[in-house]
Amino acid sequence: MKRISLLLIAVFLSCTASFAQNLNDLSWLLGTWEMVEGPATTTETWEFKDDSTFVGSGITKQSGNIVFQEGLGIEYRNGEVTYIAVLPDKTAHFKLTDSSTNSATFEDPANDFPSKIVYELNGDKMDITLFGIQDGEEQNMKMSLIKK
């Protein structure tokens, strides 16, 4: 009976630990990614700081002027991976809720928009989809960036 109980516990733990348990699993995010839409260029950059921290930034320029900027981070602390977005008026913390070899989902249900961020790697392209409530309605926004 003990063997069956231990086996069931092991199976349960392996199922609950199906996503990234350290930042090595998310190393595909590292680098500089860019999207050009008309006069606007969006760049997202991720760098390795140490084995528990990636640092990054997101910048959108239009006609040479910065129209949006955020500081970004991904941290592995106390067994959890957290995505941090630092904006001029607030800082949001999103917990990693799912990941695979080429995708990562971060969620913060308390944040209006976005409350969910999904990164997906498709060859040399990275798709970022934001989900949440904006103006009282469910919204999503998708960006496709190319690795530079």
Protein backbone atom coordinates (compact mmCIF):
# COMPACT_ATOMS: atom_id res chain seq x y z
CA MET A 1 0.00 0.00 0.00
CA LYS A 2 2.89 2.38 0.79
CA ARG A 3 4.34 1.79 -2.68
CA ILE A 4 1.06 2.69 -4.36
CA SER A 5 0.74 5.84 -2.23
CA LEU A 6 4.30 6.88 -3.04
CA LEU A 7 3.72 6.19 -6.72
CA LEU A 8 0.55 8.28 -6.74
CA ILE A 9 2.33 11.14 -4.98
CA ALA A 10 5.19 10.98 -7.49
CA VAL A 11 2.77 11.03 -10.44
CA PHE A 12 0.86 13.96 -8.92
CA LEU A 13 4.05 15.97 -8.35
CA SER A 14 5.29 15.32 -11.87
CA CYS A 15 1.97 16.56 -13.28
CA THR A 16 1.90 19.71 -11.17
CA ALA A 17 5.50 20.50 -12.11
CA SER A 18 4.85 20.45 -15.85
CA PHE A 19 6.06 23.98 -16.45
CA ALA A 20 9.34 25.84 -16.02
CA GLN A 21 11.01 25.27 -12.69
CA ASN A 22 13.95 27.53 -13.46
CA LEU A 23 14.90 30.17 -15.97
CA ASN A 24 16.89 27.79 -18.19
CA ASP A 25 13.54 26.60 -19.55
CA LEU A 26 12.80 30.17 -20.70
CA SER A 27 16.19 30.98 -22.26
CA TRP A 28 14.59 31.07 -25.72
CA LEU A 29 13.26 34.53 -24.73
CA LEU A 30 16.78 35.98 -24.54
CA GLY A 31 17.88 38.42 -27.21
CA THR A 32 16.47 41.37 -29.09
CA TRP A 33 13.10 41.11 -30.81
CA GLU A 34 11.59 43.72 -33.12
CA MET A 35 8.28 44.54 -34.81
CA VAL A 36 7.87 47.32 -37.37
CA GLU A 37 4.37 48.60 -38.16
CA GLY A 38 4.37 51.67 -40.39
CA PRO A 39 6.22 54.47 -38.58
CA ALA A 40 6.25 52.55 -35.26
CA THR A 41 8.99 50.16 -34.15
CA THR A 42 8.56 48.02 -31.05
CA THR A 43 11.64 46.39 -29.53
CA GLU A 44 11.71 43.91 -26.67
CA THR A 45 15.10 42.93 -25.28
CA TRP A 46 15.87 40.20 -22.75
CA GLU A 47 19.28 39.60 -21.14
CA PHE A 48 20.63 37.03 -18.70
CA LYS A 49 21.52 38.69 -15.39
CA ASP A 50 22.12 35.58 -13.28
CA ASP A 51 20.72 32.08 -12.85
CA SER A 52 17.57 33.46 -11.20
CA THR A 53 16.99 36.72 -13.10
CA PHE A 54 16.42 37.90 -16.66
CA VAL A 55 16.18 41.66 -17.23
CA GLY A 56 14.57 43.32 -20.18
CA SER A 57 12.85 46.30 -21.67
CA GLY A 58 10.05 47.07 -24.05
CA ILE A 59 10.19 50.24 -26.13
CA THR A 60 7.96 51.55 -28.90
CA LYS A 61 9.24 54.44 -31.00
CA GLN A 62 7.31 56.38 -33.57
CA SER A 63 9.13 58.76 -35.90
CA GLY A 64 12.16 58.50 -33.61
CA ASN A 65 10.26 59.45 -30.42
CA ILE A 66 9.62 57.03 -27.56
CA VAL A 67 5.84 56.62 -27.19
CA PHE A 68 5.91 53.65 -24.78
CA GLN A 69 8.55 52.23 -22.46
CA GLU A 70 8.59 49.58 -19.76
CA GLY A 71 11.18 47.78 -17.70
CA LEU A 72 10.83 44.01 -17.67
CA GLY A 73 12.11 41.19 -15.53
CA ILE A 74 11.65 37.49 -15.00
CA GLU A 75 12.71 36.13 -11.63
CA TYR A 76 12.91 32.68 -10.11
CA ARG A 77 12.41 32.99 -6.35
CA ASN A 78 11.15 30.54 -3.74
CA GLY A 79 10.20 27.96 -6.35
CA GLU A 80 8.13 30.37 -8.47
CA VAL A 81 8.79 32.19 -11.72
CA THR A 82 7.46 35.76 -11.84
CA TYR A 83 7.29 38.18 -14.78
CA ILE A 84 7.58 41.83 -13.70
CA ALA A 85 6.50 44.83 -15.79
CA VAL A 86 7.57 48.25 -14.52
CA LEU A 87 5.61 51.15 -15.99
CA PRO A 88 5.78 54.83 -15.04
CA ASP A 89 2.58 54.59 -12.97
CA LYS A 90 2.67 51.00 -11.66
CA THR A 91 4.49 47.71 -11.36
CA ALA A 92 2.71 44.44 -12.16
CA HIS A 93 3.75 40.93 -11.11
CA PHE A 94 2.58 37.97 -13.21
CA LYS A 95 3.09 34.37 -12.08
CA LEU A 96 4.16 31.74 -14.59
CA THR A 97 1.12 29.47 -14.91
CA ASP A 98 2.14 27.32 -17.88
CA SER A 99 5.12 26.76 -20.14
CA SER A 100 6.59 24.39 -22.69
CA THR A 101 9.77 24.33 -24.75
CA ASN A 102 8.49 27.25 -26.85
CA SER A 103 5.77 29.01 -24.87
CA ALA A 104 5.19 30.69 -21.53
CA THR A 105 1.99 32.00 -19.94
CA PHE A 106 2.09 34.57 -17.14
CA GLU A 107 -1.01 35.68 -15.22
CA ASP A 108 -2.06 38.36 -12.73
CA PRO A 109 -5.87 38.23 -12.37
CA ALA A 110 -5.81 41.42 -10.26
CA ASN A 111 -4.38 43.45 -13.16
CA ASP A 112 -7.00 44.75 -15.60
CA PHE A 113 -5.03 44.84 -18.84
CA PRO A 114 -3.21 42.73 -19.37
CA SER A 115 -4.13 40.08 -16.85
CA LYS A 116 -2.55 37.34 -18.96
CA ILE A 117 0.55 37.44 -21.18
CA VAL A 118 1.40 34.58 -23.53
CA TYR A 119 4.80 34.31 -25.24
CA GLU A 120 5.14 31.81 -28.10
CA LEU A 121 8.26 31.06 -30.12
CA ASN A 122 7.71 30.21 -33.81
CA GLY A 123 11.10 29.84 -35.50
CA ASP A 124 12.75 33.27 -35.57
CA LYS A 125 9.44 34.93 -34.62
CA MET A 126 8.05 35.49 -31.14
CA ASP A 127 4.34 36.13 -30.70
CA ILE A 128 3.21 38.00 -27.60
CA THR A 129 -0.51 38.02 -26.86
CA LEU A 130 -2.01 40.17 -24.10
CA PHE A 131 -5.43 39.35 -22.63
CA GLY A 132 -7.57 41.27 -20.16
CA ILE A 133 -10.34 43.76 -19.53
CA GLN A 134 -10.11 47.15 -21.20
CA ASP A 135 -12.94 49.68 -21.18
CA GLY A 136 -15.13 47.08 -19.47
CA GLU A 137 -14.73 44.51 -22.24
CA GLU A 138 -12.56 41.45 -22.79
CA GLN A 139 -9.75 42.43 -25.13
CA ASN A 140 -6.63 40.88 -26.61
CA MET A 141 -3.68 42.29 -28.47
CA LYS A 142 -1.14 40.27 -30.44
CA MET A 143 2.35 41.33 -31.49
CA SER A 144 4.72 39.34 -33.70
CA LEU A 145 8.37 40.20 -33.24
CA ILE A 146 11.35 38.96 -35.27
CA LYS A 147 14.65 38.03 -33.60
CA LYS A 148 17.42 40.48 -34.40
